[in-house]
Amino acid sequence: MTTFEEAAAKVKTLKASPSNDELLELYALYKQGTVGDNTTPKPGLLDPKGKAKWNAWDAKKGVSSADAKTQYIAKVEALVTKYGSA
């Protein structure tokens, strides 16, 4: 069984870059698993990338740290299967 830390390291070895949606999902699950619910102020209109990341993380509100880490590991494993790893 892959640990959360192993999955976080493994995702950096993917042979191809995941889609933006996949990256946002990974980001949101990572933040929810390590920080918890998003309590940061929402970025403004001049920061579309920051706003997308904020929205993705905020959508995970209420997911427990353990559940987010489990989902993150599963997502990384799916991406390794899809893209391969070095």
PDB file of N, CA and C in Angstrom:
ATOM      1  N   MET A   1       0.848  -1.198   0.000  1.00  0.00           N
ATOM      2  CA  MET A   1       0.000   0.000   0.000  1.00  0.00           C
ATOM      3  C   MET A   1       0.884   1.249   0.000  1.00  0.00           C
ATOM      4  N   THR A   2       0.624   2.131  -0.910  1.00  0.00           N
ATOM      5  CA  THR A   2       1.370   3.378  -1.024  1.00  0.00           C
ATOM      6  C   THR A   2       0.949   4.329   0.092  1.00  0.00           C
ATOM      7  N   THR A   3       1.920   4.988   0.709  1.00  0.00           N
ATOM      8  CA  THR A   3       1.597   5.992   1.709  1.00  0.00           C
ATOM      9  C   THR A   3       1.371   7.340   1.019  1.00  0.00           C
ATOM     10  N   PHE A   4       0.807   8.268   1.756  1.00  0.00           N
ATOM     11  CA  PHE A   4       0.549   9.603   1.235  1.00  0.00           C
ATOM     12  C   PHE A   4       1.852  10.266   0.782  1.00  0.00           C
ATOM     13  N   GLU A   5       2.900  10.144   1.597  1.00  0.00           N
ATOM     14  CA  GLU A   5       4.191  10.754   1.262  1.00  0.00           C
ATOM     15  C   GLU A   5       4.789  10.122   0.007  1.00  0.00           C
ATOM     16  N   GLU A   6       4.654   8.797  -0.128  1.00  0.00           N
ATOM     17  CA  GLU A   6       5.149   8.111  -1.324  1.00  0.00           C
ATOM     18  C   GLU A   6       4.397   8.580  -2.569  1.00  0.00           C
ATOM     19  N   ALA A   7       3.078   8.740  -2.430  1.00  0.00           N
ATOM     20  CA  ALA A   7       2.266   9.202  -3.559  1.00  0.00           C
ATOM     21  C   ALA A   7       2.668  10.620  -3.962  1.00  0.00           C
ATOM     22  N   ALA A   8       2.925  11.480  -2.968  1.00  0.00           N
ATOM     23  CA  ALA A   8       3.333  12.858  -3.258  1.00  0.00           C
ATOM     24  C   ALA A   8       4.667  12.890  -4.004  1.00  0.00           C
ATOM     25  N   ALA A   9       5.559  11.964  -3.677  1.00  0.00           N
ATOM     26  CA  ALA A   9       6.844  11.890  -4.385  1.00  0.00           C
ATOM     27  C   ALA A   9       6.664  11.261  -5.765  1.00  0.00           C
ATOM     28  N   LYS A  10       5.821  10.242  -5.848  1.00  0.00           N
ATOM     29  CA  LYS A  10       5.615   9.510  -7.094  1.00  0.00           C
ATOM     30  C   LYS A  10       4.994  10.388  -8.181  1.00  0.00           C
ATOM     31  N   VAL A  11       4.104  11.298  -7.792  1.00  0.00           N
ATOM     32  CA  VAL A  11       3.409  12.133  -8.777  1.00  0.00           C
ATOM     33  C   VAL A  11       4.408  13.027  -9.520  1.00  0.00           C
ATOM     34  N   LYS A  12       5.552  13.306  -8.907  1.00  0.00           N
ATOM     35  CA  LYS A  12       6.568  14.146  -9.553  1.00  0.00           C
ATOM     36  C   LYS A  12       7.356  13.385 -10.609  1.00  0.00           C
ATOM     37  N   THR A  13       7.149  12.062 -10.704  1.00  0.00           N
ATOM     38  CA  THR A  13       7.908  11.259 -11.666  1.00  0.00           C
ATOM     39  C   THR A  13       7.074  10.839 -12.878  1.00  0.00           C
ATOM     40  N   LEU A  14       5.876  11.417 -13.029  1.00  0.00           N
ATOM     41  CA  LEU A  14       5.033  11.067 -14.175  1.00  0.00           C
ATOM     42  C   LEU A  14       5.742  11.404 -15.477  1.00  0.00           C
ATOM     43  N   LYS A  15       5.581  10.551 -16.490  1.00  0.00           N
ATOM     44  CA  LYS A  15       6.241  10.753 -17.777  1.00  0.00           C
ATOM     45  C   LYS A  15       5.612  11.891 -18.579  1.00  0.00           C
ATOM     46  N   ALA A  16       4.331  12.163 -18.341  1.00  0.00           N
ATOM     47  CA  ALA A  16       3.643  13.257 -19.028  1.00  0.00           C
ATOM     48  C   ALA A  16       2.885  14.075 -17.992  1.00  0.00           C
ATOM     49  N   SER A  17       2.656  15.317 -18.322  1.00  0.00           N
ATOM     50  CA  SER A  17       1.942  16.192 -17.394  1.00  0.00           C
ATOM     51  C   SER A  17       0.437  15.913 -17.449  1.00  0.00           C
ATOM     52  N   PRO A  18      -0.182  15.737 -16.292  1.00  0.00           N
ATOM     53  CA  PRO A  18      -1.638  15.537 -16.258  1.00  0.00           C
ATOM     54  C   PRO A  18      -2.375  16.786 -16.768  1.00  0.00           C
ATOM     55  N   SER A  19      -3.645  16.622 -17.066  1.00  0.00           N
ATOM     56  CA  SER A  19      -4.462  17.756 -17.520  1.00  0.00           C
ATOM     57  C   SER A  19      -4.629  18.763 -16.382  1.00  0.00           C
ATOM     58  N   ASN A  20      -5.070  19.960 -16.725  1.00  0.00           N
ATOM     59  CA  ASN A  20      -5.305  20.985 -15.706  1.00  0.00           C
ATOM     60  C   ASN A  20      -6.308  20.509 -14.660  1.00  0.00           C
ATOM     61  N   ASP A  21      -7.374  19.837 -15.114  1.00  0.00           N
ATOM     62  CA  ASP A  21      -8.383  19.334 -14.175  1.00  0.00           C
ATOM     63  C   ASP A  21      -7.788  18.300 -13.227  1.00  0.00           C
ATOM     64  N   GLU A  22      -6.928  17.427 -13.761  1.00  0.00           N
ATOM     65  CA  GLU A  22      -6.275  16.418 -12.920  1.00  0.00           C
ATOM     66  C   GLU A  22      -5.333  17.079 -11.915  1.00  0.00           C
ATOM     67  N   LEU A  23      -4.610  18.096 -12.375  1.00  0.00           N
ATOM     68  CA  LEU A  23      -3.705  18.815 -11.479  1.00  0.00           C
ATOM     69  C   LEU A  23      -4.468  19.545 -10.379  1.00  0.00           C
ATOM     70  N   LEU A  24      -5.606  20.141 -10.730  1.00  0.00           N
ATOM     71  CA  LEU A  24      -6.412  20.829  -9.724  1.00  0.00           C
ATOM     72  C   LEU A  24      -6.961  19.847  -8.696  1.00  0.00           C
ATOM     73  N   GLU A  25      -7.370  18.674  -9.155  1.00  0.00           N
ATOM     74  CA  GLU A  25      -7.874  17.638  -8.246  1.00  0.00           C
ATOM     75  C   GLU A  25      -6.765  17.205  -7.282  1.00  0.00           C
ATOM     76  N   LEU A  26      -5.573  16.975  -7.807  1.00  0.00           N
ATOM     77  CA  LEU A  26      -4.439  16.608  -6.957  1.00  0.00           C
ATOM     78  C   LEU A  26      -4.143  17.701  -5.935  1.00  0.00           C
ATOM     79  N   TYR A  27      -4.105  18.939  -6.401  1.00  0.00           N
ATOM     80  CA  TYR A  27      -3.827  20.070  -5.516  1.00  0.00           C
ATOM     81  C   TYR A  27      -4.854  20.136  -4.386  1.00  0.00           C
ATOM     82  N   ALA A  28      -6.128  20.048  -4.760  1.00  0.00           N
ATOM     83  CA  ALA A  28      -7.199  20.165  -3.765  1.00  0.00           C
ATOM     84  C   ALA A  28      -7.128  19.037  -2.730  1.00  0.00           C
ATOM     85  N   LEU A  29      -6.895  17.824  -3.192  1.00  0.00           N
ATOM     86  CA  LEU A  29      -6.807  16.693  -2.261  1.00  0.00           C
ATOM     87  C   LEU A  29      -5.575  16.807  -1.372  1.00  0.00           C
ATOM     88  N   TYR A  30      -4.466  17.264  -1.936  1.00  0.00           N
ATOM     89  CA  TYR A  30      -3.238  17.434  -1.151  1.00  0.00           C
ATOM     90  C   TYR A  30      -3.455  18.475  -0.052  1.00  0.00           C
ATOM     91  N   LYS A  31      -4.005  19.630  -0.440  1.00  0.00           N
ATOM     92  CA  LYS A  31      -4.235  20.702   0.537  1.00  0.00           C
ATOM     93  C   LYS A  31      -5.238  20.264   1.611  1.00  0.00           C
ATOM     94  N   GLN A  32      -6.312  19.583   1.189  1.00  0.00           N
ATOM     95  CA  GLN A  32      -7.314  19.132   2.152  1.00  0.00           C
ATOM     96  C   GLN A  32      -6.701  18.104   3.102  1.00  0.00           C
ATOM     97  N   GLY A  33      -5.837  17.247   2.575  1.00  0.00           N
ATOM     98  CA  GLY A  33      -5.207  16.221   3.397  1.00  0.00           C
ATOM     99  C   GLY A  33      -4.163  16.761   4.353  1.00  0.00           C
ATOM    100  N   THR A  34      -3.488  17.841   3.963  1.00  0.00           N
ATOM    101  CA  THR A  34      -2.403  18.364   4.792  1.00  0.00           C
ATOM    102  C   THR A  34      -2.803  19.573   5.632  1.00  0.00           C
ATOM    103  N   VAL A  35      -3.726  20.397   5.134  1.00  0.00           N
ATOM    104  CA  VAL A  35      -4.099  21.626   5.827  1.00  0.00           C
ATOM    105  C   VAL A  35      -5.508  21.536   6.418  1.00  0.00           C
ATOM    106  N   GLY A  36      -6.417  20.866   5.692  1.00  0.00           N
ATOM    107  CA  GLY A  36      -7.815  20.824   6.126  1.00  0.00           C
ATOM    108  C   GLY A  36      -8.642  21.790   5.290  1.00  0.00           C
ATOM    109  N   ASP A  37      -9.792  22.179   5.810  1.00  0.00           N
ATOM    110  CA  ASP A  37     -10.695  23.064   5.068  1.00  0.00           C
ATOM    111  C   ASP A  37     -10.014  24.382   4.712  1.00  0.00           C
ATOM    112  N   ASN A  38     -10.355  24.883   3.528  1.00  0.00           N
ATOM    113  CA  ASN A  38      -9.817  26.145   3.028  1.00  0.00           C
ATOM    114  C   ASN A  38     -10.414  27.302   3.828  1.00  0.00           C
ATOM    115  N   THR A  39      -9.551  28.061   4.483  1.00  0.00           N
ATOM    116  CA  THR A  39     -10.003  29.244   5.231  1.00  0.00           C
ATOM    117  C   THR A  39      -9.308  30.504   4.724  1.00  0.00           C
ATOM    118  N   THR A  40      -8.615  30.398   3.592  1.00  0.00           N
ATOM    119  CA  THR A  40      -7.903  31.550   3.036  1.00  0.00           C
ATOM    120  C   THR A  40      -8.859  32.439   2.250  1.00  0.00           C
ATOM    121  N   PRO A  41      -8.543  33.727   2.119  1.00  0.00           N
ATOM    122  CA  PRO A  41      -9.394  34.609   1.315  1.00  0.00           C
ATOM    123  C   PRO A  41      -9.353  34.216  -0.162  1.00  0.00           C
ATOM    124  N   LYS A  42     -10.478  34.365  -0.836  1.00  0.00           N
ATOM    125  CA  LYS A  42     -10.562  34.015  -2.260  1.00  0.00           C
ATOM    126  C   LYS A  42      -9.759  35.017  -3.085  1.00  0.00           C
ATOM    127  N   PRO A  43      -8.901  34.509  -4.003  1.00  0.00           N
ATOM    128  CA  PRO A  43      -8.128  35.423  -4.860  1.00  0.00           C
ATOM    129  C   PRO A  43      -9.050  36.254  -5.758  1.00  0.00           C
ATOM    130  N   GLY A  44      -8.542  37.391  -6.184  1.00  0.00           N
ATOM    131  CA  GLY A  44      -9.317  38.298  -7.026  1.00  0.00           C
ATOM    132  C   GLY A  44      -9.352  37.886  -8.490  1.00  0.00           C
ATOM    133  N   LEU A  45     -10.037  38.676  -9.277  1.00  0.00           N
ATOM    134  CA  LEU A  45     -10.219  38.404 -10.705  1.00  0.00           C
ATOM    135  C   LEU A  45      -8.910  38.440 -11.485  1.00  0.00           C
ATOM    136  N   LEU A  46      -7.913  39.118 -10.969  1.00  0.00           N
ATOM    137  CA  LEU A  46      -6.643  39.239 -11.681  1.00  0.00           C
ATOM    138  C   LEU A  46      -5.738  38.031 -11.463  1.00  0.00           C
ATOM    139  N   ASP A  47      -6.217  37.051 -10.708  1.00  0.00           N
ATOM    140  CA  ASP A  47      -5.435  35.837 -10.430  1.00  0.00           C
ATOM    141  C   ASP A  47      -6.267  34.597 -10.777  1.00  0.00           C
ATOM    142  N   PRO A  48      -6.474  34.349 -12.094  1.00  0.00           N
ATOM    143  CA  PRO A  48      -7.334  33.219 -12.477  1.00  0.00           C
ATOM    144  C   PRO A  48      -6.786  31.854 -12.039  1.00  0.00           C
ATOM    145  N   LYS A  49      -5.462  31.683 -12.070  1.00  0.00           N
ATOM    146  CA  LYS A  49      -4.876  30.411 -11.645  1.00  0.00           C
ATOM    147  C   LYS A  49      -5.093  30.200 -10.149  1.00  0.00           C
ATOM    148  N   GLY A  50      -4.826  31.233  -9.370  1.00  0.00           N
ATOM    149  CA  GLY A  50      -5.044  31.154  -7.921  1.00  0.00           C
ATOM    150  C   GLY A  50      -6.500  30.910  -7.587  1.00  0.00           C
ATOM    151  N   LYS A  51      -7.386  31.544  -8.345  1.00  0.00           N
ATOM    152  CA  LYS A  51      -8.825  31.380  -8.120  1.00  0.00           C
ATOM    153  C   LYS A  51      -9.261  29.941  -8.424  1.00  0.00           C
ATOM    154  N   ALA A  52      -8.730  29.352  -9.502  1.00  0.00           N
ATOM    155  CA  ALA A  52      -9.068  27.969  -9.859  1.00  0.00           C
ATOM    156  C   ALA A  52      -8.602  27.013  -8.770  1.00  0.00           C
ATOM    157  N   LYS A  53      -7.380  27.238  -8.264  1.00  0.00           N
ATOM    158  CA  LYS A  53      -6.858  26.387  -7.198  1.00  0.00           C
ATOM    159  C   LYS A  53      -7.691  26.554  -5.925  1.00  0.00           C
ATOM    160  N   TRP A  54      -8.036  27.800  -5.604  1.00  0.00           N
ATOM    161  CA  TRP A  54      -8.848  28.076  -4.420  1.00  0.00           C
ATOM    162  C   TRP A  54     -10.203  27.376  -4.516  1.00  0.00           C
ATOM    163  N   ASN A  55     -10.850  27.485  -5.692  1.00  0.00           N
ATOM    164  CA  ASN A  55     -12.162  26.858  -5.894  1.00  0.00           C
ATOM    165  C   ASN A  55     -12.078  25.337  -5.782  1.00  0.00           C
ATOM    166  N   ALA A  56     -11.026  24.752  -6.347  1.00  0.00           N
ATOM    167  CA  ALA A  56     -10.864  23.292  -6.284  1.00  0.00           C
ATOM    168  C   ALA A  56     -10.708  22.836  -4.839  1.00  0.00           C
ATOM    169  N   TRP A  57      -9.882  23.552  -4.082  1.00  0.00           N
ATOM    170  CA  TRP A  57      -9.663  23.191  -2.680  1.00  0.00           C
ATOM    171  C   TRP A  57     -10.936  23.416  -1.876  1.00  0.00           C
ATOM    172  N   ASP A  58     -11.599  24.551  -2.112  1.00  0.00           N
ATOM    173  CA  ASP A  58     -12.812  24.880  -1.355  1.00  0.00           C
ATOM    174  C   ASP A  58     -13.911  23.842  -1.588  1.00  0.00           C
ATOM    175  N   ALA A  59     -13.913  23.218  -2.768  1.00  0.00           N
ATOM    176  CA  ALA A  59     -14.919  22.196  -3.090  1.00  0.00           C
ATOM    177  C   ALA A  59     -14.742  20.942  -2.231  1.00  0.00           C
ATOM    178  N   LYS A  60     -13.581  20.778  -1.617  1.00  0.00           N
ATOM    179  CA  LYS A  60     -13.306  19.608  -0.767  1.00  0.00           C
ATOM    180  C   LYS A  60     -13.664  19.868   0.689  1.00  0.00           C
ATOM    181  N   LYS A  61     -14.228  21.025   0.991  1.00  0.00           N
ATOM    182  CA  LYS A  61     -14.577  21.389   2.364  1.00  0.00           C
ATOM    183  C   LYS A  61     -15.412  20.286   3.006  1.00  0.00           C
ATOM    184  N   GLY A  62     -15.023  19.893   4.207  1.00  0.00           N
ATOM    185  CA  GLY A  62     -15.758  18.868   4.938  1.00  0.00           C
ATOM    186  C   GLY A  62     -15.196  17.466   4.772  1.00  0.00           C
ATOM    187  N   VAL A  63     -14.316  17.270   3.786  1.00  0.00           N
ATOM    188  CA  VAL A  63     -13.684  15.957   3.600  1.00  0.00           C
ATOM    189  C   VAL A  63     -12.603  15.830   4.669  1.00  0.00           C
ATOM    190  N   SER A  64     -12.591  14.716   5.387  1.00  0.00           N
ATOM    191  CA  SER A  64     -11.593  14.545   6.444  1.00  0.00           C
ATOM    192  C   SER A  64     -10.196  14.421   5.842  1.00  0.00           C
ATOM    193  N   SER A  65      -9.208  14.714   6.664  1.00  0.00           N
ATOM    194  CA  SER A  65      -7.812  14.618   6.226  1.00  0.00           C
ATOM    195  C   SER A  65      -7.504  13.201   5.749  1.00  0.00           C
ATOM    196  N   ALA A  66      -7.951  12.205   6.504  1.00  0.00           N
ATOM    197  CA  ALA A  66      -7.679  10.803   6.146  1.00  0.00           C
ATOM    198  C   ALA A  66      -8.329  10.437   4.815  1.00  0.00           C
ATOM    199  N   ASP A  67      -9.580  10.869   4.610  1.00  0.00           N
ATOM    200  CA  ASP A  67     -10.273  10.581   3.350  1.00  0.00           C
ATOM    201  C   ASP A  67      -9.594  11.278   2.176  1.00  0.00           C
ATOM    202  N   ALA A  68      -9.184  12.525   2.380  1.00  0.00           N
ATOM    203  CA  ALA A  68      -8.511  13.270   1.312  1.00  0.00           C
ATOM    204  C   ALA A  68      -7.196  12.590   0.942  1.00  0.00           C
ATOM    205  N   LYS A  69      -6.457  12.124   1.933  1.00  0.00           N
ATOM    206  CA  LYS A  69      -5.188  11.441   1.661  1.00  0.00           C
ATOM    207  C   LYS A  69      -5.435  10.133   0.907  1.00  0.00           C
ATOM    208  N   THR A  70      -6.471   9.390   1.290  1.00  0.00           N
ATOM    209  CA  THR A  70      -6.808   8.141   0.599  1.00  0.00           C
ATOM    210  C   THR A  70      -7.184   8.418  -0.853  1.00  0.00           C
ATOM    211  N   GLN A  71      -7.989   9.459  -1.072  1.00  0.00           N
ATOM    212  CA  GLN A  71      -8.389   9.833  -2.436  1.00  0.00           C
ATOM    213  C   GLN A  71      -7.184  10.311  -3.248  1.00  0.00           C
ATOM    214  N   TYR A  72      -6.273  11.025  -2.602  1.00  0.00           N
ATOM    215  CA  TYR A  72      -5.060  11.511  -3.269  1.00  0.00           C
ATOM    216  C   TYR A  72      -4.211  10.329  -3.750  1.00  0.00           C
ATOM    217  N   ILE A  73      -4.010   9.356  -2.875  1.00  0.00           N
ATOM    218  CA  ILE A  73      -3.223   8.170  -3.227  1.00  0.00           C
ATOM    219  C   ILE A  73      -3.862   7.460  -4.416  1.00  0.00           C
ATOM    220  N   ALA A  74      -5.185   7.288  -4.387  1.00  0.00           N
ATOM    221  CA  ALA A  74      -5.891   6.616  -5.481  1.00  0.00           C
ATOM    222  C   ALA A  74      -5.743   7.403  -6.782  1.00  0.00           C
ATOM    223  N   LYS A  75      -5.818   8.727  -6.697  1.00  0.00           N
ATOM    224  CA  LYS A  75      -5.687   9.576  -7.890  1.00  0.00           C
ATOM    225  C   LYS A  75      -4.281   9.460  -8.473  1.00  0.00           C
ATOM    226  N   VAL A  76      -3.266   9.470  -7.615  1.00  0.00           N
ATOM    227  CA  VAL A  76      -1.885   9.337  -8.091  1.00  0.00           C
ATOM    228  C   VAL A  76      -1.694   7.983  -8.761  1.00  0.00           C
ATOM    229  N   GLU A  77      -2.209   6.924  -8.153  1.00  0.00           N
ATOM    230  CA  GLU A  77      -2.079   5.578  -8.746  1.00  0.00           C
ATOM    231  C   GLU A  77      -2.746   5.536 -10.120  1.00  0.00           C
ATOM    232  N   ALA A  78      -3.911   6.175 -10.254  1.00  0.00           N
ATOM    233  CA  ALA A  78      -4.606   6.210 -11.548  1.00  0.00           C
ATOM    234  C   ALA A  78      -3.784   6.979 -12.583  1.00  0.00           C
ATOM    235  N   LEU A  79      -3.147   8.061 -12.158  1.00  0.00           N
ATOM    236  CA  LEU A  79      -2.331   8.854 -13.079  1.00  0.00           C
ATOM    237  C   LEU A  79      -1.067   8.106 -13.485  1.00  0.00           C
ATOM    238  N   VAL A  80      -0.479   7.364 -12.567  1.00  0.00           N
ATOM    239  CA  VAL A  80       0.699   6.555 -12.903  1.00  0.00           C
ATOM    240  C   VAL A  80       0.320   5.505 -13.941  1.00  0.00           C
ATOM    241  N   THR A  81      -0.851   4.903 -13.771  1.00  0.00           N
ATOM    242  CA  THR A  81      -1.340   3.915 -14.752  1.00  0.00           C
ATOM    243  C   THR A  81      -1.570   4.589 -16.110  1.00  0.00           C
ATOM    244  N   LYS A  82      -2.145   5.788 -16.076  1.00  0.00           N
ATOM    245  CA  LYS A  82      -2.482   6.501 -17.312  1.00  0.00           C
ATOM    246  C   LYS A  82      -1.251   7.059 -18.037  1.00  0.00           C
ATOM    247  N   TYR A  83      -0.323   7.659 -17.289  1.00  0.00           N
ATOM    248  CA  TYR A  83       0.802   8.366 -17.896  1.00  0.00           C
ATOM    249  C   TYR A  83       2.147   7.639 -17.766  1.00  0.00           C
ATOM    250  N   GLY A  84       2.229   6.676 -16.847  1.00  0.00           N
ATOM    251  CA  GLY A  84       3.505   6.007 -16.577  1.00  0.00           C
ATOM    252  C   GLY A  84       4.373   6.888 -15.691  1.00  0.00           C
ATOM    253  N   SER A  85       5.399   6.284 -15.099  1.00  0.00           N
ATOM    254  CA  SER A  85       6.310   7.085 -14.283  1.00  0.00           C
ATOM    255  C   SER A  85       7.738   6.688 -14.596  1.00  0.00           C
ATOM    256  N   ALA A  86       8.617   7.638 -14.382  1.00  0.00           N
ATOM    257  CA  ALA A  86      10.034   7.434 -14.704  1.00  0.00           C
ATOM    258  C   ALA A  86      10.720   6.548 -13.682  1.00  0.00           C
TER     259      ALA A  86
END
